[in-house]
Amino acid sequence: MSKPLIKTHDLARHYTRGEELIKALDGVDLEIAQGEFVSLVGPSGSGKSTLLNLIGGLVRPTRGELWVGEIELGSCSDVGLVAYRRDTLGFIFQNFNLLPIKTAWENVAVPLMLAGVAQSQRRVRAEELLALVGLAKRGDHRPSELSGGEQQRVAIARALANRPKLIIADEPTGNLDSRTGGEIMNNLRRLVSEEGVTLVLVTHDMGVAGYADRIVHLRDGKVESVEINLDRVTS
């Protein structure tokens, strides 16, 4: 395995609900290599979404360390976290989160706009990415004119816009039928290989989890087991 992109040590996230202390994540040690595809699975309340949100810099740990490359997210400033999310991360959501008034290529170009890329360059990059996910002829269509699978492929293209090292995905096939979900996962699997990007994905569906190189099983805020997907290792 190559050098870790993500490394956690005794990572925890606690919060209170009334007088009750909730240990959403409680002492996780985990390494994820650059270019690896890892699925996080577990029952509701296991800590998988909390771990994804910590890796995404959306919440801060209660204790422990979380390194992504040379950045320790727990001690990073608010400004530093904004830069981290802009420059290092791509996000893929269950609900696509596309802007309804913008076309497909304009949605893909949003991260480039936020990064200050000139409009002419934004369009070129957006159209390249739409072609990469099989939507070369759909760039001028708005989300309402696209199927659910097409919308998710636009979201995948958007996640790749700033050439991130890391993509995090939260139930990316949750709103899709099984056939379309399979197409999306094959697309993601191919892009991880071709682009060399690291993908961390949360899912409750073991069929979806099976596309990953490793499956991390969480329960009660801890890593219960880590399963190496031999089908992927030997393929």
C-alpha atoms as a PDB file:
ATOM      1  CA  MET A   1       0.000   0.000   0.000  1.00  0.00           C
ATOM      2  CA  SER A   2       1.237   3.499  -0.830  1.00  0.00           C
ATOM      3  CA  LYS A   3       1.805   6.305   1.698  1.00  0.00           C
ATOM      4  CA  PRO A   4      -1.330   7.172   3.705  1.00  0.00           C
ATOM      5  CA  LEU A   5      -3.287  10.212   2.571  1.00  0.00           C
ATOM      6  CA  ILE A   6      -5.547   9.970   5.642  1.00  0.00           C
ATOM      7  CA  LYS A   7      -4.311   8.958   9.083  1.00  0.00           C
ATOM      8  CA  THR A   8      -6.252   9.083  12.339  1.00  0.00           C
ATOM      9  CA  HIS A   9      -5.082   8.434  15.887  1.00  0.00           C
ATOM     10  CA  ASP A  10      -7.518   8.003  18.795  1.00  0.00           C
ATOM     11  CA  LEU A  11     -10.027  10.088  16.840  1.00  0.00           C
ATOM     12  CA  ALA A  12     -13.198  10.922  18.770  1.00  0.00           C
ATOM     13  CA  ARG A  13     -16.267  13.104  18.363  1.00  0.00           C
ATOM     14  CA  HIS A  14     -18.522  13.522  21.414  1.00  0.00           C
ATOM     15  CA  TYR A  15     -21.512  15.779  21.965  1.00  0.00           C
ATOM     16  CA  THR A  16     -24.257  16.204  24.515  1.00  0.00           C
ATOM     17  CA  ARG A  17     -27.981  15.697  24.080  1.00  0.00           C
ATOM     18  CA  GLY A  18     -29.590  17.231  27.136  1.00  0.00           C
ATOM     19  CA  GLU A  19     -27.641  15.645  29.992  1.00  0.00           C
ATOM     20  CA  GLU A  20     -26.607  12.619  27.914  1.00  0.00           C
ATOM     21  CA  LEU A  21     -23.086  12.318  26.498  1.00  0.00           C
ATOM     22  CA  ILE A  22     -23.153  10.876  22.976  1.00  0.00           C
ATOM     23  CA  LYS A  23     -19.939   9.237  21.780  1.00  0.00           C
ATOM     24  CA  ALA A  24     -20.575   9.382  18.033  1.00  0.00           C
ATOM     25  CA  LEU A  25     -16.966   8.386  17.373  1.00  0.00           C
ATOM     26  CA  ASP A  26     -14.753   7.084  20.144  1.00  0.00           C
ATOM     27  CA  GLY A  27     -11.110   6.300  19.486  1.00  0.00           C
ATOM     28  CA  VAL A  28     -10.628   5.441  15.809  1.00  0.00           C
ATOM     29  CA  ASP A  29      -7.214   4.550  14.375  1.00  0.00           C
ATOM     30  CA  LEU A  30      -7.292   4.261  10.602  1.00  0.00           C
ATOM     31  CA  GLU A  31      -5.063   4.769   7.569  1.00  0.00           C
ATOM     32  CA  ILE A  32      -6.240   5.275   3.983  1.00  0.00           C
ATOM     33  CA  ALA A  33      -3.725   5.336   1.152  1.00  0.00           C
ATOM     34  CA  GLN A  34      -3.548   7.791  -1.717  1.00  0.00           C
ATOM     35  CA  GLY A  35      -5.563   6.341  -4.600  1.00  0.00           C
ATOM     36  CA  GLU A  36      -7.494   3.911  -2.398  1.00  0.00           C
ATOM     37  CA  PHE A  37     -11.265   3.425  -2.437  1.00  0.00           C
ATOM     38  CA  VAL A  38     -12.659   2.752   1.054  1.00  0.00           C
ATOM     39  CA  SER A  39     -16.280   2.168   2.069  1.00  0.00           C
ATOM     40  CA  LEU A  40     -17.488   2.981   5.589  1.00  0.00           C
ATOM     41  CA  VAL A  41     -20.378   0.770   6.661  1.00  0.00           C
ATOM     42  CA  GLY A  42     -22.311   0.087   9.833  1.00  0.00           C
ATOM     43  CA  PRO A  43     -25.753   0.371  11.426  1.00  0.00           C
ATOM     44  CA  SER A  44     -27.400   3.694  12.155  1.00  0.00           C
ATOM     45  CA  GLY A  45     -25.458   5.423  14.935  1.00  0.00           C
ATOM     46  CA  SER A  46     -22.262   3.485  14.235  1.00  0.00           C
ATOM     47  CA  GLY A  47     -20.214   6.633  13.539  1.00  0.00           C
ATOM     48  CA  LYS A  48     -19.719   6.282   9.782  1.00  0.00           C
ATOM     49  CA  SER A  49     -21.298   9.632   8.852  1.00  0.00           C
ATOM     50  CA  THR A  50     -19.500  11.345  11.746  1.00  0.00           C
ATOM     51  CA  LEU A  51     -16.174  10.012  10.466  1.00  0.00           C
ATOM     52  CA  LEU A  52     -16.986  11.223   6.949  1.00  0.00           C
ATOM     53  CA  ASN A  53     -17.898  14.688   8.282  1.00  0.00           C
ATOM     54  CA  LEU A  54     -14.633  14.856  10.228  1.00  0.00           C
ATOM     55  CA  ILE A  55     -12.626  13.928   7.136  1.00  0.00           C
ATOM     56  CA  GLY A  56     -14.592  16.572   5.239  1.00  0.00           C
ATOM     57  CA  GLY A  57     -13.607  19.249   7.743  1.00  0.00           C
ATOM     58  CA  LEU A  58     -17.293  19.897   8.470  1.00  0.00           C
ATOM     59  CA  VAL A  59     -16.973  19.199  12.210  1.00  0.00           C
ATOM     60  CA  ARG A  60     -13.995  19.142  14.568  1.00  0.00           C
ATOM     61  CA  PRO A  61     -12.815  16.212  16.664  1.00  0.00           C
ATOM     62  CA  THR A  62     -13.264  16.156  20.429  1.00  0.00           C
ATOM     63  CA  ARG A  63      -9.886  14.506  20.805  1.00  0.00           C
ATOM     64  CA  GLY A  64      -7.251  12.712  18.776  1.00  0.00           C
ATOM     65  CA  GLU A  65      -5.578  13.504  15.484  1.00  0.00           C
ATOM     66  CA  LEU A  66      -6.829  13.520  11.904  1.00  0.00           C
ATOM     67  CA  TRP A  67      -4.237  14.075   9.206  1.00  0.00           C
ATOM     68  CA  VAL A  68      -5.020  14.517   5.527  1.00  0.00           C
ATOM     69  CA  GLY A  69      -1.682  14.825   3.804  1.00  0.00           C
ATOM     70  CA  GLU A  70       0.278  17.409   5.788  1.00  0.00           C
ATOM     71  CA  ILE A  71      -2.826  19.013   7.322  1.00  0.00           C
ATOM     72  CA  GLU A  72      -3.969  18.125  10.844  1.00  0.00           C
ATOM     73  CA  LEU A  73      -7.641  19.056  10.699  1.00  0.00           C
ATOM     74  CA  GLY A  74      -8.263  19.266  14.439  1.00  0.00           C
ATOM     75  CA  SER A  75      -5.788  22.102  14.893  1.00  0.00           C
ATOM     76  CA  CYS A  76      -6.478  23.798  11.543  1.00  0.00           C
ATOM     77  CA  SER A  77      -7.908  27.336  11.601  1.00  0.00           C
ATOM     78  CA  ASP A  78     -11.365  28.083  10.186  1.00  0.00           C
ATOM     79  CA  VAL A  79      -9.714  29.807   7.221  1.00  0.00           C
ATOM     80  CA  GLY A  80      -7.448  26.813   6.756  1.00  0.00           C
ATOM     81  CA  LEU A  81     -10.416  24.449   6.732  1.00  0.00           C
ATOM     82  CA  VAL A  82     -12.119  26.523   4.035  1.00  0.00           C
ATOM     83  CA  ALA A  83      -8.956  26.304   1.914  1.00  0.00           C
ATOM     84  CA  TYR A  84      -8.695  22.568   2.628  1.00  0.00           C
ATOM     85  CA  ARG A  85     -12.256  21.927   1.453  1.00  0.00           C
ATOM     86  CA  ARG A  86     -11.719  24.093  -1.643  1.00  0.00           C
ATOM     87  CA  ASP A  87      -8.328  22.757  -2.704  1.00  0.00           C
ATOM     88  CA  THR A  88      -8.192  19.147  -1.485  1.00  0.00           C
ATOM     89  CA  LEU A  89     -11.757  17.827  -1.411  1.00  0.00           C
ATOM     90  CA  GLY A  90     -14.565  16.912  -3.750  1.00  0.00           C
ATOM     91  CA  PHE A  91     -18.022  16.152  -2.313  1.00  0.00           C
ATOM     92  CA  ILE A  92     -20.707  13.823  -3.698  1.00  0.00           C
ATOM     93  CA  PHE A  93     -24.088  13.849  -1.965  1.00  0.00           C
ATOM     94  CA  GLN A  94     -27.114  11.537  -1.978  1.00  0.00           C
ATOM     95  CA  ASN A  95     -29.394  14.392  -3.078  1.00  0.00           C
ATOM     96  CA  PHE A  96     -27.023  15.602  -5.855  1.00  0.00           C
ATOM     97  CA  ASN A  97     -27.165  19.252  -4.571  1.00  0.00           C
ATOM     98  CA  LEU A  98     -27.203  20.737  -8.051  1.00  0.00           C
ATOM     99  CA  LEU A  99     -28.270  24.345  -8.607  1.00  0.00           C
ATOM    100  CA  PRO A 100     -31.604  24.122 -10.464  1.00  0.00           C
ATOM    101  CA  ILE A 101     -31.232  27.381 -12.418  1.00  0.00           C
ATOM    102  CA  LYS A 102     -27.807  26.468 -13.798  1.00  0.00           C
ATOM    103  CA  THR A 103     -26.968  24.116 -16.652  1.00  0.00           C
ATOM    104  CA  ALA A 104     -24.952  20.957 -16.188  1.00  0.00           C
ATOM    105  CA  TRP A 105     -21.693  22.575 -17.225  1.00  0.00           C
ATOM    106  CA  GLU A 106     -22.353  25.594 -15.005  1.00  0.00           C
ATOM    107  CA  ASN A 107     -22.944  23.268 -12.035  1.00  0.00           C
ATOM    108  CA  VAL A 108     -19.696  21.447 -12.723  1.00  0.00           C
ATOM    109  CA  ALA A 109     -17.896  24.793 -12.936  1.00  0.00           C
ATOM    110  CA  VAL A 110     -19.057  26.093  -9.529  1.00  0.00           C
ATOM    111  CA  PRO A 111     -15.891  24.942  -7.644  1.00  0.00           C
ATOM    112  CA  LEU A 112     -13.758  26.513 -10.378  1.00  0.00           C
ATOM    113  CA  MET A 113     -15.628  29.805 -10.031  1.00  0.00           C
ATOM    114  CA  LEU A 114     -15.040  29.753  -6.266  1.00  0.00           C
ATOM    115  CA  ALA A 115     -11.343  29.133  -6.926  1.00  0.00           C
ATOM    116  CA  GLY A 116     -11.163  32.206  -9.196  1.00  0.00           C
ATOM    117  CA  VAL A 117     -10.678  30.371 -12.503  1.00  0.00           C
ATOM    118  CA  ALA A 118     -11.553  32.463 -15.595  1.00  0.00           C
ATOM    119  CA  GLN A 119     -14.928  31.660 -17.189  1.00  0.00           C
ATOM    120  CA  SER A 120     -13.465  30.483 -20.501  1.00  0.00           C
ATOM    121  CA  GLN A 121     -11.225  28.005 -18.660  1.00  0.00           C
ATOM    122  CA  ARG A 122     -14.111  26.933 -16.433  1.00  0.00           C
ATOM    123  CA  ARG A 123     -16.212  25.930 -19.417  1.00  0.00           C
ATOM    124  CA  VAL A 124     -13.394  23.961 -21.045  1.00  0.00           C
ATOM    125  CA  ARG A 125     -12.704  22.031 -17.837  1.00  0.00           C
ATOM    126  CA  ALA A 126     -16.420  21.440 -17.183  1.00  0.00           C
ATOM    127  CA  GLU A 127     -16.996  20.084 -20.677  1.00  0.00           C
ATOM    128  CA  GLU A 128     -13.969  17.789 -20.358  1.00  0.00           C
ATOM    129  CA  LEU A 129     -15.384  16.360 -17.140  1.00  0.00           C
ATOM    130  CA  LEU A 130     -18.898  15.930 -18.526  1.00  0.00           C
ATOM    131  CA  ALA A 131     -17.377  13.962 -21.398  1.00  0.00           C
ATOM    132  CA  LEU A 132     -15.467  11.872 -18.861  1.00  0.00           C
ATOM    133  CA  VAL A 133     -18.746  10.818 -17.193  1.00  0.00           C
ATOM    134  CA  GLY A 134     -20.557  10.267 -20.504  1.00  0.00           C
ATOM    135  CA  LEU A 135     -22.559  13.499 -20.652  1.00  0.00           C
ATOM    136  CA  ALA A 136     -20.760  15.349 -23.444  1.00  0.00           C
ATOM    137  CA  LYS A 137     -24.054  16.227 -25.144  1.00  0.00           C
ATOM    138  CA  ARG A 138     -25.954  17.225 -22.005  1.00  0.00           C
ATOM    139  CA  GLY A 139     -23.908  20.203 -20.842  1.00  0.00           C
ATOM    140  CA  ASP A 140     -26.564  22.823 -21.669  1.00  0.00           C
ATOM    141  CA  HIS A 141     -29.384  20.964 -19.909  1.00  0.00           C
ATOM    142  CA  ARG A 142     -30.635  22.009 -16.474  1.00  0.00           C
ATOM    143  CA  PRO A 143     -31.063  19.419 -13.672  1.00  0.00           C
ATOM    144  CA  SER A 144     -34.837  19.193 -14.241  1.00  0.00           C
ATOM    145  CA  GLU A 145     -34.100  17.984 -17.783  1.00  0.00           C
ATOM    146  CA  LEU A 146     -31.796  15.187 -16.579  1.00  0.00           C
ATOM    147  CA  SER A 147     -32.533  11.774 -15.083  1.00  0.00           C
ATOM    148  CA  GLY A 148     -31.439  10.956 -11.536  1.00  0.00           C
ATOM    149  CA  GLY A 149     -28.449   9.015 -12.824  1.00  0.00           C
ATOM    150  CA  GLU A 150     -27.430  11.867 -15.102  1.00  0.00           C
ATOM    151  CA  GLN A 151     -27.715  14.335 -12.237  1.00  0.00           C
ATOM    152  CA  GLN A 152     -25.440  12.195 -10.096  1.00  0.00           C
ATOM    153  CA  ARG A 153     -22.915  11.986 -12.922  1.00  0.00           C
ATOM    154  CA  VAL A 154     -22.960  15.801 -13.091  1.00  0.00           C
ATOM    155  CA  ALA A 155     -22.294  15.794  -9.341  1.00  0.00           C
ATOM    156  CA  ILE A 156     -19.354  13.419  -9.833  1.00  0.00           C
ATOM    157  CA  ALA A 157     -17.941  15.680 -12.546  1.00  0.00           C
ATOM    158  CA  ARG A 158     -18.318  18.666 -10.204  1.00  0.00           C
ATOM    159  CA  ALA A 159     -16.468  16.788  -7.455  1.00  0.00           C
ATOM    160  CA  LEU A 160     -13.508  16.342  -9.829  1.00  0.00           C
ATOM    161  CA  ALA A 161     -13.451  19.960 -11.024  1.00  0.00           C
ATOM    162  CA  ASN A 162     -10.559  21.221  -8.888  1.00  0.00           C
ATOM    163  CA  ARG A 163      -8.524  18.023  -9.332  1.00  0.00           C
ATOM    164  CA  PRO A 164      -8.931  17.019  -5.671  1.00  0.00           C
ATOM    165  CA  LYS A 165      -6.753  14.470  -3.935  1.00  0.00           C
ATOM    166  CA  LEU A 166      -9.747  13.189  -2.019  1.00  0.00           C
ATOM    167  CA  ILE A 167     -13.449  12.672  -2.739  1.00  0.00           C
ATOM    168  CA  ILE A 168     -15.945  11.917   0.014  1.00  0.00           C
ATOM    169  CA  ALA A 169     -19.335  10.494  -0.907  1.00  0.00           C
ATOM    170  CA  ASP A 170     -22.399  10.168   1.326  1.00  0.00           C
ATOM    171  CA  GLU A 171     -24.796   7.453   0.085  1.00  0.00           C
ATOM    172  CA  PRO A 172     -24.207   8.476  -3.569  1.00  0.00           C
ATOM    173  CA  THR A 173     -26.640   5.861  -4.914  1.00  0.00           C
ATOM    174  CA  GLY A 174     -29.273   6.236  -2.193  1.00  0.00           C
ATOM    175  CA  ASN A 175     -31.799   7.976  -4.454  1.00  0.00           C
ATOM    176  CA  LEU A 176     -31.198   5.783  -7.505  1.00  0.00           C
ATOM    177  CA  ASP A 177     -32.598   2.471  -8.673  1.00  0.00           C
ATOM    178  CA  SER A 178     -30.258  -0.519  -8.516  1.00  0.00           C
ATOM    179  CA  ARG A 179     -29.345  -0.523 -12.216  1.00  0.00           C
ATOM    180  CA  THR A 180     -28.539   3.202 -12.275  1.00  0.00           C
ATOM    181  CA  GLY A 181     -26.720   2.879  -8.958  1.00  0.00           C
ATOM    182  CA  GLY A 182     -24.546   0.138 -10.428  1.00  0.00           C
ATOM    183  CA  GLU A 183     -23.690   2.366 -13.388  1.00  0.00           C
ATOM    184  CA  ILE A 184     -22.722   5.194 -11.017  1.00  0.00           C
ATOM    185  CA  MET A 185     -20.511   2.899  -8.937  1.00  0.00           C
ATOM    186  CA  ASN A 186     -18.775   1.530 -12.039  1.00  0.00           C
ATOM    187  CA  ASN A 187     -18.182   5.145 -13.081  1.00  0.00           C
ATOM    188  CA  LEU A 188     -16.718   6.026  -9.685  1.00  0.00           C
ATOM    189  CA  ARG A 189     -14.561   2.902  -9.635  1.00  0.00           C
ATOM    190  CA  ARG A 190     -13.148   3.757 -13.070  1.00  0.00           C
ATOM    191  CA  LEU A 191     -12.485   7.393 -12.158  1.00  0.00           C
ATOM    192  CA  VAL A 192     -10.655   6.429  -8.965  1.00  0.00           C
ATOM    193  CA  SER A 193      -8.341   4.259 -11.056  1.00  0.00           C
ATOM    194  CA  GLU A 194      -7.864   6.729 -13.916  1.00  0.00           C
ATOM    195  CA  GLU A 195      -7.557   9.939 -11.877  1.00  0.00           C
ATOM    196  CA  GLY A 196      -5.601   8.470  -8.950  1.00  0.00           C
ATOM    197  CA  VAL A 197      -8.021  10.073  -6.520  1.00  0.00           C
ATOM    198  CA  THR A 198      -8.794   8.702  -3.057  1.00  0.00           C
ATOM    199  CA  LEU A 199     -12.481   7.937  -2.428  1.00  0.00           C
ATOM    200  CA  VAL A 200     -14.108   7.512   0.981  1.00  0.00           C
ATOM    201  CA  LEU A 201     -17.744   6.485   0.707  1.00  0.00           C
ATOM    202  CA  VAL A 202     -20.478   5.964   3.312  1.00  0.00           C
ATOM    203  CA  THR A 203     -23.168   3.425   2.461  1.00  0.00           C
ATOM    204  CA  HIS A 204     -25.646   1.083   4.119  1.00  0.00           C
ATOM    205  CA  ASP A 205     -25.714  -1.095   0.983  1.00  0.00           C
ATOM    206  CA  MET A 206     -23.153  -3.912   1.026  1.00  0.00           C
ATOM    207  CA  GLY A 207     -23.507  -4.261  -2.738  1.00  0.00           C
ATOM    208  CA  VAL A 208     -22.271  -0.673  -3.096  1.00  0.00           C
ATOM    209  CA  ALA A 209     -19.582  -1.211  -0.452  1.00  0.00           C
ATOM    210  CA  GLY A 210     -18.292  -4.146  -2.507  1.00  0.00           C
ATOM    211  CA  TYR A 211     -16.907  -1.800  -5.155  1.00  0.00           C
ATOM    212  CA  ALA A 212     -14.253  -0.598  -2.674  1.00  0.00           C
ATOM    213  CA  ASP A 213     -10.717  -1.833  -2.093  1.00  0.00           C
ATOM    214  CA  ARG A 214     -11.417  -2.079   1.644  1.00  0.00           C
ATOM    215  CA  ILE A 215     -14.571  -2.038   3.733  1.00  0.00           C
ATOM    216  CA  VAL A 216     -14.353  -0.484   7.205  1.00  0.00           C
ATOM    217  CA  HIS A 217     -17.077  -1.780   9.523  1.00  0.00           C
ATOM    218  CA  LEU A 218     -17.998   0.608  12.340  1.00  0.00           C
ATOM    219  CA  ARG A 219     -20.134  -0.027  15.408  1.00  0.00           C
ATOM    220  CA  ASP A 220     -20.763   2.123  18.490  1.00  0.00           C
ATOM    221  CA  GLY A 221     -18.266   4.740  17.359  1.00  0.00           C
ATOM    222  CA  LYS A 222     -15.385   2.304  16.916  1.00  0.00           C
ATOM    223  CA  VAL A 223     -13.823   0.314  14.076  1.00  0.00           C
ATOM    224  CA  GLU A 224     -15.192  -3.201  14.483  1.00  0.00           C
ATOM    225  CA  SER A 225     -13.251  -4.738  11.584  1.00  0.00           C
ATOM    226  CA  VAL A 226     -11.560  -3.903   8.285  1.00  0.00           C
ATOM    227  CA  GLU A 227     -12.262  -6.168   5.338  1.00  0.00           C
ATOM    228  CA  ILE A 228      -9.920  -6.338   2.361  1.00  0.00           C
ATOM    229  CA  ASN A 229     -11.913  -6.826  -0.837  1.00  0.00           C
ATOM    230  CA  LEU A 230      -9.995  -9.664  -2.454  1.00  0.00           C
ATOM    231  CA  ASP A 231     -12.015  -9.347  -5.662  1.00  0.00           C
ATOM    232  CA  ARG A 232     -10.599  -5.827  -6.129  1.00  0.00           C
ATOM    233  CA  VAL A 233      -7.082  -6.681  -5.022  1.00  0.00           C
ATOM    234  CA  THR A 234      -6.798  -9.530  -7.516  1.00  0.00           C
ATOM    235  CA  SER A 235      -8.639  -7.833 -10.399  1.00  0.00           C
END
